[in-house]
Amino acid sequence: MESDSGNEVSGLNRNLYPNMEPYSSGFLKVSDLHSIYWEQSGNPNGHPVVFVHGGPGMGTTPNDRRFFDPEFYRIILFNQRGAGKSTPHACLVENTTWDLIDDIEKLREHLEIPEWQVFGGSWGSTLALAYSQSHPDKVTGLVLRGIFLLRKKEIDWLCEGGAATIYPDAWEPFRDFIPENERGCFIDAYSKRLNSDDLETQYAAARTWTKWVLMIGRLIPNKEDIKRGDDDFFSLAFAKLENHYFLNKGFFPSDSYLLDNIDKIRHINTIIVQGRYDVCCPIVSAWDLHKVWPEADFKVVQDAGHAANEPGIAAELVAANEKLKNVIKGGRQKD
C-alpha cells in the first residue's frame, strides 16, 4: 500500500488536463425502452478509455474528460440508463446492474472498440468491477476510486444512520423527512415516496435524499456541489436510481459477489485510489478489496474524502491514467 498526501513527486503528470469538447456524440438504443447518451473526446485514434459514472444516477460532467491525456486517450463518456441525457429520464424499468453491463458492451461494439481501459469511482467502481468480471478480455486496465461494493453494511452505513455519526447536522433533514414510525428502514420509506403517484412528493423526497449524499461527499463541503440537490431534474434521477439499486442490493446474487470474483480480473493492471476520510464509501471497503487483490496498486490519499474532484484524489487519478498510459506505450515499443 502506498500512502501519500497527493504531493508525491513521481515524474508523472498529476494536473487535470485542460477543458475539451467532444468530437462526436449520440444516442444508442439499448432496448425497446432505453437509449443511452454517449460522447467521445481526445484523440480519435488514441487508446480507448470508458468513464463509468457514479450514483447510480449521477450522470457525467464536462470535467470528467479532464482526467485523461487527450493526445493519448480516446475518451468515452456515457450516461447510464435513466441518468443524465439518457432516456427515459429516471426510469427504473429494465434498470439493473446486468442491463448496464450489457449496455457497456453494446456501446463498445457500436464504437467498434476491441478493448478499452475502464475508469470508475463510487458506484462507478462497483459497475466497473462487475463489467470487468463479466468481460475480462475486453479490459486493458482499471482505475477505481472511492470503492463501493454494495454490501449490506455499506448501504446501511450510508442510509440507515452510520454516516450520521459524523454528519449529524446533514443527517437530521434526511431523517426528519420520514415519519418516526417508518424509520426502521429509510431505504424502504424513501422508495415509497420516490415512486409516489404524486410528482411533488417524488421531487421533495429526491431533493432531501440527494442533498444528504452530496453534503457528505467531500472532506471540506462544497456549496456548489450541494446546490445540485436543488435541481429537480438531476436529483430525481440520482435519488430514484440510487434508492432502486440499494433496495435491490445492486442486483448481485450474494453480498460478497465482487470480492468473490476477483480471480477473473486479477491479471488486469489496476490502480485503486481511496480518500482516507471518505464518509460515503469508507476506506474499509477499499481495504477489503486490497486484501483479496494485493496485486492492484492501492493509493490512500490522506487529506481527502470521497469526491473525484478533491485535489489529492484528482492528482492520483490523473497519475493513475499516466501510469497505465506508460504501460501501454511500453507494450507497443516491445511489439
Protein backbone atom coordinates (compact mmCIF):
# COMPACT_ATOMS: atom_id res chain seq x y z
CA MET A 1 0.00 0.00 0.00
CA GLU A 2 1.26 3.46 -0.82
CA SER A 3 0.05 6.24 1.41
CA ASP A 4 0.58 9.83 0.48
CA SER A 5 -0.98 13.24 0.69
CA GLY A 6 -1.04 13.78 -3.05
CA ASN A 7 2.24 15.70 -3.02
CA GLU A 8 4.50 12.83 -4.01
CA VAL A 9 6.72 13.62 -6.97
CA SER A 10 6.80 10.58 -9.23
CA GLY A 11 7.61 12.17 -12.56
CA LEU A 12 4.00 11.59 -13.68
CA ASN A 13 1.69 14.44 -14.56
CA ARG A 14 -0.76 14.97 -11.69
CA ASN A 15 -2.65 18.00 -13.02
CA LEU A 16 -6.07 17.80 -14.66
CA TYR A 17 -5.90 18.30 -18.42
CA PRO A 18 -7.49 21.44 -19.93
CA ASN A 19 -11.20 21.56 -20.76
CA MET A 20 -12.04 19.86 -24.03
CA GLU A 21 -15.11 19.45 -26.21
CA PRO A 22 -16.37 16.14 -27.62
CA TYR A 23 -15.60 15.43 -31.28
CA SER A 24 -18.63 13.15 -31.58
CA SER A 25 -21.73 12.23 -29.58
CA GLY A 26 -25.00 10.42 -29.98
CA PHE A 27 -27.64 8.15 -28.53
CA LEU A 28 -27.54 4.36 -28.63
CA LYS A 29 -30.81 2.44 -28.43
CA VAL A 30 -30.01 -0.35 -25.99
CA SER A 31 -33.55 -1.76 -25.56
CA ASP A 32 -37.07 -1.09 -26.81
CA LEU A 33 -37.38 1.37 -23.91
CA HIS A 34 -33.93 2.82 -23.19
CA SER A 35 -31.49 4.96 -25.18
CA ILE A 36 -28.17 6.00 -23.67
CA TYR A 37 -26.22 9.18 -24.39
CA TRP A 38 -22.53 8.80 -25.31
CA GLU A 39 -19.73 11.14 -26.35
CA GLN A 40 -16.09 10.94 -27.42
CA SER A 41 -13.28 13.43 -26.89
CA GLY A 42 -9.49 13.43 -27.06
CA ASN A 43 -7.69 11.53 -29.84
CA PRO A 44 -9.99 9.59 -32.23
CA ASN A 45 -7.07 7.20 -32.87
CA GLY A 46 -5.98 7.03 -29.23
CA HIS A 47 -6.23 4.24 -26.67
CA PRO A 48 -9.92 3.95 -25.72
CA VAL A 49 -10.96 4.58 -22.11
CA VAL A 50 -14.54 4.47 -20.84
CA PHE A 51 -15.60 6.64 -17.88
CA VAL A 52 -18.19 4.87 -15.69
CA HIS A 53 -20.09 7.43 -13.63
CA GLY A 54 -21.31 7.11 -10.07
CA GLY A 55 -24.62 7.36 -8.26
CA PRO A 56 -26.30 5.33 -9.62
CA GLY A 57 -27.94 8.23 -11.44
CA MET A 58 -25.14 10.79 -11.18
CA GLY A 59 -24.52 11.20 -14.91
CA THR A 60 -21.38 12.84 -16.29
CA THR A 61 -19.97 16.39 -16.42
CA PRO A 62 -17.50 18.03 -18.85
CA ASN A 63 -14.90 17.92 -16.06
CA ASP A 64 -14.88 14.10 -16.24
CA ARG A 65 -12.94 14.30 -19.52
CA ARG A 66 -10.02 16.04 -17.81
CA PHE A 67 -8.55 13.02 -16.01
CA PHE A 68 -7.15 11.74 -19.32
CA ASP A 69 -4.38 12.90 -21.66
CA PRO A 70 -6.36 13.95 -24.78
CA GLU A 71 -3.37 13.32 -27.07
CA PHE A 72 -3.09 9.70 -25.94
CA TYR A 73 -6.61 8.66 -24.99
CA ARG A 74 -9.84 8.29 -26.93
CA ILE A 75 -12.13 9.32 -24.06
CA ILE A 76 -15.65 7.85 -23.95
CA LEU A 77 -18.27 9.15 -21.52
CA PHE A 78 -21.81 7.79 -21.38
CA ASN A 79 -24.92 8.20 -19.23
CA GLN A 80 -26.29 5.00 -17.68
CA ARG A 81 -29.98 4.12 -18.12
CA GLY A 82 -32.23 6.83 -16.71
CA ALA A 83 -29.34 9.20 -15.88
CA GLY A 84 -28.18 12.48 -17.39
CA LYS A 85 -29.27 12.83 -21.02
CA SER A 86 -30.28 9.17 -21.40
CA THR A 87 -33.97 8.46 -21.94
CA PRO A 88 -36.47 7.82 -20.46
CA HIS A 89 -35.26 10.00 -17.57
CA ALA A 90 -35.16 8.47 -14.07
CA CYS A 91 -36.80 5.27 -15.35
CA LEU A 92 -36.43 2.19 -13.12
CA VAL A 93 -37.94 -0.32 -15.57
CA GLU A 94 -35.34 -2.69 -17.11
CA ASN A 95 -32.71 -0.99 -14.98
CA THR A 96 -30.36 -3.46 -13.27
CA THR A 97 -26.59 -3.86 -12.97
CA TRP A 98 -26.74 -6.62 -15.60
CA ASP A 99 -28.62 -4.35 -18.03
CA LEU A 100 -25.92 -1.69 -17.56
CA ILE A 101 -23.13 -4.23 -18.14
CA ASP A 102 -24.83 -5.27 -21.40
CA ASP A 103 -25.13 -1.58 -22.37
CA ILE A 104 -21.39 -1.02 -21.89
CA GLU A 105 -20.74 -3.97 -24.22
CA LYS A 106 -23.25 -2.63 -26.77
CA LEU A 107 -21.53 0.75 -26.66
CA ARG A 108 -18.09 -0.83 -27.12
CA GLU A 109 -19.35 -2.74 -30.16
CA HIS A 110 -21.19 0.31 -31.54
CA LEU A 111 -17.97 2.35 -31.36
CA GLU A 112 -16.02 -0.59 -32.89
CA ILE A 113 -13.59 -0.76 -29.97
CA PRO A 114 -11.91 -4.17 -29.47
CA GLU A 115 -10.84 -3.49 -25.86
CA TRP A 116 -10.57 -0.49 -23.57
CA GLN A 117 -9.40 0.89 -20.25
CA VAL A 118 -12.15 1.26 -17.63
CA PHE A 119 -12.29 4.13 -15.12
CA GLY A 120 -14.93 4.36 -12.38
CA GLY A 121 -15.48 5.88 -8.95
CA SER A 122 -18.00 5.23 -6.18
CA TRP A 123 -20.93 3.35 -7.81
CA GLY A 124 -18.77 3.63 -10.94
CA SER A 125 -16.19 1.44 -9.18
CA THR A 126 -18.95 -1.12 -8.46
CA LEU A 127 -20.08 -1.21 -12.07
CA ALA A 128 -16.50 -1.14 -13.42
CA LEU A 129 -15.67 -4.21 -11.29
CA ALA A 130 -18.87 -6.02 -12.29
CA TYR A 131 -18.34 -5.22 -16.00
CA SER A 132 -14.68 -6.31 -15.89
CA GLN A 133 -15.57 -9.56 -14.14
CA SER A 134 -18.18 -10.24 -16.84
CA HIS A 135 -15.88 -9.27 -19.75
CA PRO A 136 -12.27 -9.53 -18.53
CA ASP A 137 -10.94 -10.00 -22.07
CA LYS A 138 -12.21 -6.55 -23.07
CA VAL A 139 -10.41 -4.57 -20.32
CA THR A 140 -6.82 -3.32 -20.75
CA GLY A 141 -6.57 -1.62 -17.34
CA LEU A 142 -8.68 -0.36 -14.44
CA VAL A 143 -8.68 2.82 -12.36
CA LEU A 144 -11.06 2.60 -9.39
CA ARG A 145 -11.84 5.36 -6.88
CA GLY A 146 -13.88 5.55 -3.66
CA ILE A 147 -14.57 1.80 -3.57
CA PHE A 148 -18.19 0.75 -3.14
CA LEU A 149 -19.04 -2.97 -3.18
CA LEU A 150 -22.77 -2.54 -2.44
CA ARG A 151 -22.68 -4.84 0.58
CA LYS A 152 -25.44 -4.53 3.16
CA LYS A 153 -23.11 -2.95 5.71
CA GLU A 154 -22.07 -0.25 3.20
CA ILE A 155 -25.67 0.61 2.28
CA ASP A 156 -26.67 0.67 5.97
CA TRP A 157 -23.71 2.95 6.76
CA LEU A 158 -24.86 5.47 4.16
CA CYS A 159 -28.64 5.29 4.55
CA GLU A 160 -29.54 3.83 7.94
CA GLY A 161 -27.60 6.04 10.36
CA GLY A 162 -23.91 5.10 10.18
CA ALA A 163 -22.56 8.20 8.45
CA ALA A 164 -24.93 10.22 10.68
CA THR A 165 -22.41 9.79 13.48
CA ILE A 166 -20.02 12.05 11.53
CA TYR A 167 -22.61 14.34 9.89
CA PRO A 168 -25.50 14.60 12.38
CA ASP A 169 -26.32 18.09 11.06
CA ALA A 170 -26.69 16.84 7.47
CA TRP A 171 -28.49 13.65 8.61
CA GLU A 172 -31.34 15.29 10.51
CA PRO A 173 -33.22 16.69 7.48
CA PHE A 174 -32.89 13.28 5.78
CA ARG A 175 -34.17 11.52 8.91
CA ASP A 176 -36.91 14.05 9.71
CA PHE A 177 -38.42 13.81 6.22
CA ILE A 178 -39.65 10.33 7.20
CA PRO A 179 -42.29 9.89 9.95
CA GLU A 180 -40.95 8.24 13.12
CA ASN A 181 -43.00 5.07 12.64
CA GLU A 182 -41.26 4.43 9.24
CA ARG A 183 -37.66 4.99 10.32
CA GLY A 184 -36.94 1.28 10.77
CA CYS A 185 -35.73 1.25 7.15
CA PHE A 186 -35.05 4.56 5.42
CA ILE A 187 -34.45 2.91 2.05
CA ASP A 188 -37.97 1.43 2.08
CA ALA A 189 -39.51 4.66 3.34
CA TYR A 190 -37.79 6.76 0.65
CA SER A 191 -38.64 4.20 -2.03
CA LYS A 192 -42.33 4.64 -1.26
CA ARG A 193 -42.07 8.43 -1.69
CA LEU A 194 -39.68 8.42 -4.67
CA ASN A 195 -42.18 6.21 -6.51
CA SER A 196 -45.30 8.06 -5.35
CA ASP A 197 -48.11 8.85 -7.80
CA ASP A 198 -47.64 12.49 -6.81
CA LEU A 199 -44.74 14.14 -8.64
CA GLU A 200 -44.27 16.81 -5.94
CA THR A 201 -43.83 14.06 -3.34
CA GLN A 202 -41.20 12.45 -5.59
CA TYR A 203 -39.34 15.75 -6.01
CA ALA A 204 -39.35 16.55 -2.28
CA ALA A 205 -38.00 13.09 -1.42
CA ALA A 206 -35.43 13.31 -4.21
CA ARG A 207 -34.10 16.71 -3.08
CA THR A 208 -33.78 15.50 0.52
CA TRP A 209 -32.05 12.23 -0.43
CA THR A 210 -29.67 13.93 -2.88
CA LYS A 211 -28.65 16.73 -0.52
CA TRP A 212 -27.79 14.21 2.20
CA VAL A 213 -25.44 12.29 -0.09
CA LEU A 214 -23.87 15.44 -1.59
CA MET A 215 -23.27 17.02 1.83
CA ILE A 216 -21.02 14.15 2.95
CA GLY A 217 -19.13 13.78 -0.33
CA ARG A 218 -16.00 15.81 0.41
CA LEU A 219 -13.56 16.38 3.24
CA ILE A 220 -14.43 20.10 3.05
CA PRO A 221 -18.08 20.50 1.93
CA ASN A 222 -18.53 22.42 -1.31
CA LYS A 223 -21.60 24.65 -1.66
CA GLU A 224 -21.62 24.35 -5.46
CA ASP A 225 -21.80 20.54 -5.22
CA ILE A 226 -24.62 20.67 -2.67
CA LYS A 227 -26.63 23.11 -4.83
CA ARG A 228 -27.11 20.31 -7.37
CA GLY A 229 -29.61 18.86 -4.91
CA ASP A 230 -31.95 21.79 -5.71
CA ASP A 231 -32.06 20.78 -9.38
CA ASP A 232 -35.18 18.61 -9.63
CA PHE A 233 -34.14 17.06 -12.94
CA PHE A 234 -30.78 15.93 -11.53
CA SER A 235 -31.97 14.93 -8.06
CA LEU A 236 -34.93 12.87 -9.31
CA ALA A 237 -32.69 10.58 -11.38
CA PHE A 238 -29.98 10.46 -8.73
CA ALA A 239 -32.29 9.63 -5.81
CA LYS A 240 -34.64 7.26 -7.66
CA LEU A 241 -31.87 5.25 -9.28
CA GLU A 242 -29.63 5.14 -6.21
CA ASN A 243 -32.54 4.09 -3.99
CA HIS A 244 -33.62 1.47 -6.54
CA TYR A 245 -30.16 -0.10 -6.69
CA PHE A 246 -29.74 -0.01 -2.90
CA LEU A 247 -33.18 -1.55 -2.37
CA ASN A 248 -32.16 -4.40 -4.69
CA LYS A 249 -28.65 -4.73 -3.21
CA GLY A 250 -27.09 -3.99 -6.57
CA PHE A 251 -28.86 -6.99 -8.13
CA PHE A 252 -25.89 -9.14 -7.06
CA PRO A 253 -26.53 -12.81 -6.23
CA SER A 254 -24.58 -12.51 -2.96
CA ASP A 255 -23.30 -9.82 -0.59
CA SER A 256 -19.63 -10.53 -1.34
CA TYR A 257 -20.09 -11.17 -5.08
CA LEU A 258 -17.48 -8.67 -6.31
CA LEU A 259 -14.83 -9.79 -3.80
CA ASP A 260 -15.54 -13.45 -4.57
CA ASN A 261 -14.85 -12.96 -8.30
CA ILE A 262 -11.53 -11.11 -8.22
CA ASP A 263 -9.71 -14.10 -9.74
CA LYS A 264 -11.40 -13.29 -13.06
CA ILE A 265 -9.65 -9.88 -13.20
CA ARG A 266 -6.54 -10.43 -11.06
CA HIS A 267 -4.33 -10.17 -14.17
CA ILE A 268 -5.62 -6.71 -15.16
CA ASN A 269 -3.36 -3.72 -14.38
CA THR A 270 -5.34 -1.88 -11.72
CA ILE A 271 -4.92 1.21 -9.54
CA ILE A 272 -7.22 1.85 -6.56
CA VAL A 273 -7.46 5.43 -5.25
CA GLN A 274 -9.16 5.98 -1.89
CA GLY A 275 -9.63 9.03 0.34
CA ARG A 276 -8.75 8.29 3.97
CA TYR A 277 -11.77 10.28 5.24
CA ASP A 278 -14.34 9.08 2.71
CA VAL A 279 -17.67 9.16 4.57
CA CYS A 280 -19.81 7.96 1.62
CA CYS A 281 -17.72 4.86 0.93
CA PRO A 282 -15.49 4.33 3.98
CA ILE A 283 -11.98 3.06 3.39
CA VAL A 284 -12.73 -0.38 4.86
CA SER A 285 -14.27 -1.45 1.53
CA ALA A 286 -11.15 -0.40 -0.40
CA TRP A 287 -9.10 -2.22 2.26
CA ASP A 288 -11.18 -5.38 1.84
CA LEU A 289 -10.62 -5.17 -1.94
CA HIS A 290 -6.88 -4.61 -1.42
CA LYS A 291 -6.66 -7.67 0.86
CA VAL A 292 -8.14 -10.01 -1.76
CA TRP A 293 -6.32 -8.24 -4.62
CA PRO A 294 -2.84 -7.27 -3.38
CA GLU A 295 -1.57 -7.19 -7.00
CA ALA A 296 -3.52 -3.95 -7.62
CA ASP A 297 -1.83 -0.64 -6.69
CA PHE A 298 -3.54 0.83 -3.63
CA LYS A 299 -3.22 4.58 -3.11
CA VAL A 300 -4.61 6.20 0.03
CA VAL A 301 -4.98 9.99 -0.11
CA GLN A 302 -4.58 11.11 3.48
CA ASP A 303 -6.21 14.53 3.16
CA ALA A 304 -9.35 13.68 1.19
CA GLY A 305 -12.91 12.42 1.40
CA HIS A 306 -14.93 10.83 -1.41
CA ALA A 307 -15.13 13.21 -4.38
CA ALA A 308 -13.09 12.74 -7.55
CA ASN A 309 -12.52 16.49 -7.80
CA GLU A 310 -10.85 16.87 -4.39
CA PRO A 311 -7.28 18.00 -5.12
CA GLY A 312 -5.43 14.96 -3.71
CA ILE A 313 -7.78 12.45 -5.34
CA ALA A 314 -7.82 14.23 -8.72
CA ALA A 315 -3.99 14.24 -8.69
CA GLU A 316 -3.85 10.48 -8.00
CA LEU A 317 -6.46 9.73 -10.68
CA VAL A 318 -4.52 11.67 -13.33
CA ALA A 319 -1.30 9.95 -12.22
CA ALA A 320 -3.03 6.54 -12.38
CA ASN A 321 -4.03 7.14 -16.01
CA GLU A 322 -0.49 8.36 -16.77
CA LYS A 323 0.91 5.15 -15.27
CA LEU A 324 -1.38 2.96 -17.41
CA LYS A 325 -0.54 5.12 -20.44
CA ASN A 326 3.17 4.38 -19.88
CA VAL A 327 2.43 0.64 -19.57
CA ILE A 328 0.56 0.72 -22.91
CA LYS A 329 3.34 2.73 -24.58
CA GLY A 330 5.93 0.30 -23.19
CA GLY A 331 3.94 -2.63 -24.57
CA ARG A 332 3.77 -1.00 -28.01
CA GLN A 333 7.55 -0.45 -28.04
CA LYS A 334 8.13 -4.14 -27.23
CA ASP A 335 5.87 -5.16 -30.11
